[in-house]
Amino acid sequence: MSEDINGKNKGSLTRRKFLAGLTAGAAALALPAGNADAYMVEEYFRQHFKRLSKDDLKDILKKMEDELSFKYGKKITVKATPPMDDVVFGYALDLSRCIGCRRCIYACVKENNLSRNPQIHWIKVLEFEKENKKWQSLEHTNRYYNPETVPEEGRYYVPVQCQQCKNPPCVKVCPVRATWKEPDGIVVVDYNWCIGCRFCMAACPYGARNFNWGRPYVPKEEINPNMHYLGNRPQYKGTVGKCTFCIQRSRVGRYTACVEICPVGARKFGNLLDPKSEIRYILEHLKVFRLKEDLNTNPKFFYFFSLGRPVKR
């Protein structure tokens, strides 16, 4: 007996109702009385994001802002900005420009409130050998390179993150539908609904999902106060996170943090439905490829080589 993603009852007992009935008594006994503890219990048993009414969501966002503002000692805003009409986001990365500096990684960490201890990275920069005539698989490259300077002679670099697949295998395997693809192409996760089974991690061929083994830690002075419910709000121990194309930025018309920080302009981001966008120009005028295209995941993340020449219009 379950309830589908649109809230239609298939039976009288839903997963959440069963879980709540099984553990609510124990949770109430284990937690000391107090508003913060009551909020924690409410968070754990919160309804799926897609089933929340506008009033419920508004109330949750307000409570979340108050709780996080108190926790971090600064004004926190949490939004649930919906997708824009006639927008499907796409990404392109110029491998002939990337120097492997990893600034994108740490800009992502800062923007998306990722854990510093234990460290969580949604972007991985892989080091390849130029002289290796055989294509090295993503799984057999070096992501822990540490030369005195980059780029290192005889090496090139391939950053990998969520490919925002049109046909995402991670979504198909989630047993509780905690992850799904939004109309603007962004694959999101409801952290309150994730049960930490890691099926999505096993299904992702790009290694783009990260499990929070410990309680995520972000220093108070480094917290990004501009949050999105489906993006960069603080995560929980035992849940899975991933790149969301900086949903808190992209849905208000801003570039992602990794695009802004790249010192060589290797990263391109825009609306695939806009014929005048830079990313559409790249797709139409340059030779692009996608990782593991044979798997039919149809990523919206493209790679190309400009050979160091600027894209001419």
Protein backbone atom coordinates (compact mmCIF):
# COMPACT_ATOMS: atom_id res chain seq x y z
CA MET A 1 0.00 0.00 0.00
CA SER A 2 1.46 3.35 -0.98
CA GLU A 3 0.79 6.84 -2.22
CA ASP A 4 2.05 7.97 -5.60
CA ILE A 5 4.05 11.10 -6.27
CA ASN A 6 0.92 13.13 -7.01
CA GLY A 7 -0.68 12.23 -3.72
CA LYS A 8 -3.21 9.70 -5.02
CA ASN A 9 -3.83 6.97 -2.49
CA LYS A 10 -3.17 3.44 -3.65
CA GLY A 11 -3.98 2.14 -0.18
CA SER A 12 -4.75 3.32 3.30
CA LEU A 13 -1.18 3.04 4.62
CA THR A 14 1.65 5.10 3.14
CA ARG A 15 5.36 4.58 3.71
CA ARG A 16 5.62 7.77 5.76
CA LYS A 17 2.55 6.99 7.87
CA PHE A 18 3.91 3.55 8.64
CA LEU A 19 7.36 4.90 9.48
CA ALA A 20 5.89 7.65 11.60
CA GLY A 21 3.67 5.24 13.52
CA LEU A 22 6.57 2.87 14.08
CA THR A 23 9.08 5.41 15.35
CA ALA A 24 7.30 8.54 16.53
CA GLY A 25 6.86 7.21 20.05
CA ALA A 26 10.52 6.27 20.32
CA ALA A 27 11.60 9.61 18.89
CA ALA A 28 9.44 11.50 21.36
CA LEU A 29 10.98 9.58 24.25
CA ALA A 30 14.55 9.94 22.98
CA LEU A 31 14.43 13.70 22.37
CA PRO A 32 14.22 16.27 25.15
CA ALA A 33 11.32 18.69 25.01
CA GLY A 34 11.82 21.92 23.11
CA ASN A 35 10.92 23.79 19.93
CA ALA A 36 14.13 22.79 18.15
CA ASP A 37 13.56 19.10 18.85
CA ALA A 38 9.95 19.32 17.76
CA TYR A 39 11.17 20.90 14.53
CA MET A 40 13.66 18.04 14.02
CA VAL A 41 10.86 15.48 14.32
CA GLU A 42 8.72 17.52 11.92
CA GLU A 43 11.61 17.62 9.42
CA TYR A 44 12.07 13.86 9.57
CA PHE A 45 8.42 13.12 8.82
CA ARG A 46 7.85 15.95 6.36
CA GLN A 47 5.69 15.25 3.32
CA HIS A 48 7.29 14.82 -0.10
CA PHE A 49 8.09 18.16 -1.73
CA LYS A 50 5.86 17.50 -4.73
CA ARG A 51 2.88 16.85 -2.48
CA LEU A 52 3.19 20.01 -0.41
CA SER A 53 0.46 22.61 -0.86
CA LYS A 54 1.48 26.22 -1.41
CA ASP A 55 0.46 27.10 2.13
CA ASP A 56 2.33 24.13 3.61
CA LEU A 57 5.46 24.99 1.63
CA LYS A 58 5.28 28.64 2.66
CA ASP A 59 4.99 27.60 6.31
CA ILE A 60 7.90 25.14 6.02
CA LEU A 61 10.16 27.70 4.36
CA LYS A 62 9.43 30.23 7.11
CA LYS A 63 10.17 27.70 9.85
CA MET A 64 13.33 26.62 8.07
CA GLU A 65 14.52 30.22 7.76
CA ASP A 66 13.91 30.86 11.46
CA GLU A 67 15.66 27.65 12.52
CA LEU A 68 18.69 28.15 10.27
CA SER A 69 18.98 31.85 11.12
CA PHE A 70 19.12 30.91 14.80
CA LYS A 71 21.62 28.11 14.17
CA TYR A 72 24.06 30.14 12.07
CA GLY A 73 23.58 33.53 13.70
CA LYS A 74 22.73 35.38 10.49
CA LYS A 75 19.69 36.06 8.31
CA ILE A 76 18.97 33.00 6.17
CA THR A 77 16.51 32.95 3.27
CA VAL A 78 15.18 29.68 1.87
CA LYS A 79 13.21 29.76 -1.37
CA ALA A 80 11.56 27.20 -3.59
CA THR A 81 11.84 29.13 -6.84
CA PRO A 82 10.05 27.10 -9.55
CA PRO A 83 11.37 26.44 -13.07
CA MET A 84 11.11 29.26 -15.59
CA ASP A 85 8.93 28.80 -18.67
CA ASP A 86 10.64 27.81 -21.92
CA VAL A 87 13.96 27.11 -20.24
CA VAL A 88 15.99 23.89 -20.29
CA PHE A 89 19.46 24.37 -18.89
CA GLY A 90 22.54 23.00 -20.59
CA TYR A 91 26.27 23.09 -19.91
CA ALA A 92 29.35 22.97 -22.13
CA LEU A 93 32.98 22.62 -21.06
CA ASP A 94 36.00 23.48 -23.19
CA LEU A 95 38.61 20.82 -22.41
CA SER A 96 41.31 22.64 -24.38
CA ARG A 97 41.08 25.53 -21.91
CA CYS A 98 40.67 23.72 -18.57
CA ILE A 99 43.91 23.94 -16.55
CA GLY A 100 42.89 21.65 -13.69
CA CYS A 101 43.09 24.39 -11.04
CA ARG A 102 40.05 23.03 -9.13
CA ARG A 103 38.71 26.50 -8.37
CA CYS A 104 35.36 25.26 -9.64
CA ILE A 105 35.31 22.60 -6.91
CA TYR A 106 35.78 25.01 -4.05
CA ALA A 107 33.43 27.63 -5.50
CA CYS A 108 30.81 24.88 -5.62
CA VAL A 109 31.54 23.87 -2.02
CA LYS A 110 31.14 27.46 -0.81
CA GLU A 111 28.04 28.25 -2.86
CA ASN A 112 26.20 25.04 -2.10
CA ASN A 113 26.99 24.78 1.61
CA LEU A 114 28.75 21.44 1.20
CA SER A 115 30.33 19.77 4.19
CA ARG A 116 33.92 20.74 5.04
CA ASN A 117 34.37 17.91 7.52
CA PRO A 118 33.90 15.32 6.19
CA GLN A 119 34.64 16.90 2.82
CA ILE A 120 31.96 16.59 0.14
CA HIS A 121 32.65 17.63 -3.48
CA TRP A 122 29.97 17.66 -6.15
CA ILE A 123 32.58 18.36 -8.86
CA LYS A 124 35.52 16.07 -9.57
CA VAL A 125 38.42 17.09 -11.82
CA LEU A 126 40.06 14.07 -13.42
CA GLU A 127 43.64 14.07 -14.75
CA PHE A 128 44.35 12.31 -18.06
CA GLU A 129 47.68 11.55 -19.75
CA LYS A 130 48.07 13.11 -23.19
CA GLU A 131 50.48 10.43 -24.40
CA ASN A 132 48.14 7.60 -23.51
CA LYS A 133 46.77 6.59 -26.91
CA LYS A 134 43.93 4.59 -25.40
CA TRP A 135 41.00 6.43 -23.89
CA GLN A 136 41.20 6.17 -20.13
CA SER A 137 37.90 5.39 -18.45
CA LEU A 138 36.63 7.83 -15.86
CA GLU A 139 37.17 5.18 -13.22
CA HIS A 140 40.89 4.82 -14.01
CA THR A 141 42.02 8.43 -13.90
CA ASN A 142 43.74 10.46 -11.19
CA ARG A 143 41.60 12.90 -9.20
CA TYR A 144 44.19 13.38 -6.46
CA TYR A 145 46.96 14.96 -8.55
CA ASN A 146 49.09 17.53 -6.73
CA PRO A 147 51.88 19.10 -8.83
CA GLU A 148 53.51 22.39 -7.85
CA THR A 149 51.76 24.14 -10.73
CA VAL A 150 48.95 23.36 -13.16
CA PRO A 151 48.48 22.62 -15.93
CA GLU A 152 51.17 19.96 -15.74
CA GLU A 153 53.09 19.09 -18.90
CA GLY A 154 51.66 16.04 -20.64
CA ARG A 155 48.35 16.18 -18.81
CA TYR A 156 44.85 17.39 -19.55
CA TYR A 157 41.85 17.63 -17.28
CA VAL A 158 38.21 16.57 -17.44
CA PRO A 159 35.86 17.98 -14.78
CA VAL A 160 32.88 15.72 -14.08
CA GLN A 161 29.71 16.48 -12.15
CA CYS A 162 26.03 15.62 -12.49
CA GLN A 163 25.31 15.43 -16.21
CA GLN A 164 21.63 16.35 -15.71
CA CYS A 165 20.57 13.49 -17.94
CA LYS A 166 17.39 13.64 -19.98
CA ASN A 167 17.01 9.95 -19.22
CA PRO A 168 18.53 9.75 -15.70
CA PRO A 169 19.09 6.18 -14.44
CA CYS A 170 19.35 7.49 -10.86
CA VAL A 171 15.71 8.57 -10.93
CA LYS A 172 14.50 5.19 -12.14
CA VAL A 173 16.03 3.22 -9.27
CA CYS A 174 15.00 5.41 -6.34
CA PRO A 175 12.55 3.26 -4.33
CA VAL A 176 10.87 6.24 -2.64
CA ARG A 177 10.99 8.75 -5.52
CA ALA A 178 13.17 11.13 -3.57
CA THR A 179 14.85 12.27 -6.80
CA TRP A 180 13.29 13.43 -10.05
CA LYS A 181 13.85 15.60 -13.13
CA GLU A 182 12.34 19.08 -13.16
CA PRO A 183 10.86 20.76 -16.30
CA ASP A 184 14.03 22.87 -16.72
CA GLY A 185 16.10 19.69 -16.91
CA ILE A 186 17.61 19.85 -13.41
CA VAL A 187 17.62 16.55 -11.52
CA VAL A 188 16.86 17.33 -7.87
CA VAL A 189 16.72 15.51 -4.52
CA ASP A 190 14.28 15.95 -1.65
CA TYR A 191 16.67 15.51 1.28
CA ASN A 192 13.81 14.98 3.70
CA TRP A 193 12.53 12.07 1.65
CA CYS A 194 15.88 10.40 0.84
CA ILE A 195 16.34 7.18 2.84
CA GLY A 196 20.06 6.83 2.05
CA CYS A 197 19.82 3.48 0.25
CA ARG A 198 22.40 4.71 -2.33
CA PHE A 199 20.70 2.93 -5.23
CA CYS A 200 21.03 6.19 -7.17
CA MET A 201 24.79 6.21 -6.60
CA ALA A 202 25.10 2.70 -7.97
CA ALA A 203 22.98 3.58 -10.99
CA CYS A 204 24.82 6.80 -11.90
CA PRO A 205 27.51 6.01 -14.51
CA TYR A 206 29.31 9.30 -13.82
CA GLY A 207 29.94 8.91 -10.08
CA ALA A 208 28.15 12.23 -9.63
CA ARG A 209 26.26 11.54 -6.40
CA ASN A 210 27.71 11.83 -2.91
CA PHE A 211 26.62 10.14 0.30
CA ASN A 212 26.81 12.04 3.57
CA TRP A 213 28.49 9.45 5.80
CA GLY A 214 28.81 11.91 8.66
CA ARG A 215 26.87 14.91 9.84
CA PRO A 216 27.69 17.63 7.28
CA TYR A 217 29.65 20.51 8.81
CA VAL A 218 29.76 24.06 7.49
CA PRO A 219 31.40 26.78 9.65
CA LYS A 220 28.93 29.48 10.69
CA GLU A 221 31.05 32.21 9.15
CA GLU A 222 31.13 30.42 5.78
CA ILE A 223 27.45 29.56 5.38
CA ASN A 224 25.81 30.86 2.19
CA PRO A 225 22.57 32.44 3.46
CA ASN A 226 20.78 32.36 0.09
CA MET A 227 19.31 28.86 -0.10
CA HIS A 228 16.89 26.78 -2.16
CA TYR A 229 14.82 23.95 -0.72
CA LEU A 230 15.93 21.59 -3.51
CA GLY A 231 19.48 22.86 -3.72
CA ASN A 232 22.00 24.30 -1.31
CA ARG A 233 20.23 24.07 2.03
CA PRO A 234 22.18 22.09 4.66
CA GLN A 235 21.91 18.35 4.15
CA TYR A 236 21.55 15.52 6.65
CA LYS A 237 23.70 12.58 7.64
CA GLY A 238 22.68 9.49 5.68
CA THR A 239 21.38 11.31 2.60
CA VAL A 240 22.66 11.67 -0.97
CA GLY A 241 23.44 15.02 -2.61
CA LYS A 242 24.42 16.17 -6.09
CA CYS A 243 25.00 19.15 -8.37
CA THR A 244 21.80 21.04 -9.19
CA PHE A 245 23.29 23.60 -11.62
CA CYS A 246 23.20 25.97 -8.61
CA ILE A 247 19.39 25.97 -8.71
CA GLN A 248 19.31 28.90 -6.27
CA ARG A 249 21.20 30.97 -8.86
CA SER A 250 20.20 29.59 -12.26
CA ARG A 251 16.47 29.93 -11.61
CA VAL A 252 16.86 33.66 -11.05
CA GLY A 253 18.94 34.19 -14.19
CA ARG A 254 22.45 33.89 -12.75
CA TYR A 255 25.39 31.75 -13.85
CA THR A 256 26.43 28.81 -11.71
CA ALA A 257 29.26 29.39 -9.23
CA CYS A 258 31.66 27.18 -11.18
CA VAL A 259 31.06 29.15 -14.38
CA GLU A 260 31.72 32.46 -12.63
CA ILE A 261 34.92 31.32 -10.92
CA CYS A 262 36.64 29.63 -13.90
CA PRO A 263 39.75 31.76 -14.62
CA VAL A 264 40.06 30.64 -18.25
CA GLY A 265 36.43 30.75 -19.37
CA ALA A 266 36.24 27.01 -20.00
CA ARG A 267 32.70 26.66 -18.66
CA LYS A 268 29.59 27.69 -20.57
CA PHE A 269 26.01 27.62 -19.28
CA GLY A 270 22.68 28.65 -20.72
CA ASN A 271 19.23 27.89 -22.08
CA LEU A 272 19.19 25.11 -24.67
CA LEU A 273 15.84 26.40 -25.97
CA ASP A 274 17.22 29.86 -26.75
CA PRO A 275 18.59 29.90 -30.32
CA LYS A 276 20.64 33.03 -29.52
CA SER A 277 22.35 31.60 -26.43
CA GLU A 278 26.08 30.90 -26.32
CA ILE A 279 25.56 27.25 -25.55
CA ARG A 280 23.34 26.81 -28.61
CA TYR A 281 26.05 28.41 -30.74
CA ILE A 282 28.61 25.96 -29.38
CA LEU A 283 26.37 22.96 -30.04
CA GLU A 284 25.65 24.11 -33.59
CA HIS A 285 29.13 25.25 -34.65
CA LEU A 286 31.63 23.14 -32.73
CA LYS A 287 32.19 19.41 -32.44
CA VAL A 288 30.89 18.34 -29.05
CA PHE A 289 30.63 15.01 -27.27
CA ARG A 290 29.03 13.62 -24.14
CA LEU A 291 30.39 11.11 -21.68
CA LYS A 292 29.23 7.50 -22.07
CA GLU A 293 26.77 8.34 -24.85
CA ASP A 294 26.29 4.64 -25.53
CA LEU A 295 24.32 4.32 -22.29
CA ASN A 296 21.48 6.44 -23.72
CA THR A 297 21.36 8.70 -20.67
CA ASN A 298 21.26 11.73 -23.00
CA PRO A 299 23.18 14.19 -20.78
CA LYS A 300 22.67 17.94 -21.04
CA PHE A 301 26.36 18.37 -20.20
CA PHE A 302 28.61 18.66 -23.27
CA TYR A 303 32.38 18.68 -23.79
CA PHE A 304 34.33 20.24 -26.66
CA PHE A 305 37.80 21.36 -27.77
CA SER A 306 38.19 24.88 -29.13
CA LEU A 307 41.98 24.40 -29.56
CA GLY A 308 42.55 27.59 -27.61
CA ARG A 309 40.73 29.77 -30.15
CA PRO A 310 37.83 31.93 -28.97
CA VAL A 311 34.40 31.04 -30.26
CA LYS A 312 33.66 33.40 -33.15
CA ARG A 313 30.19 34.75 -33.76
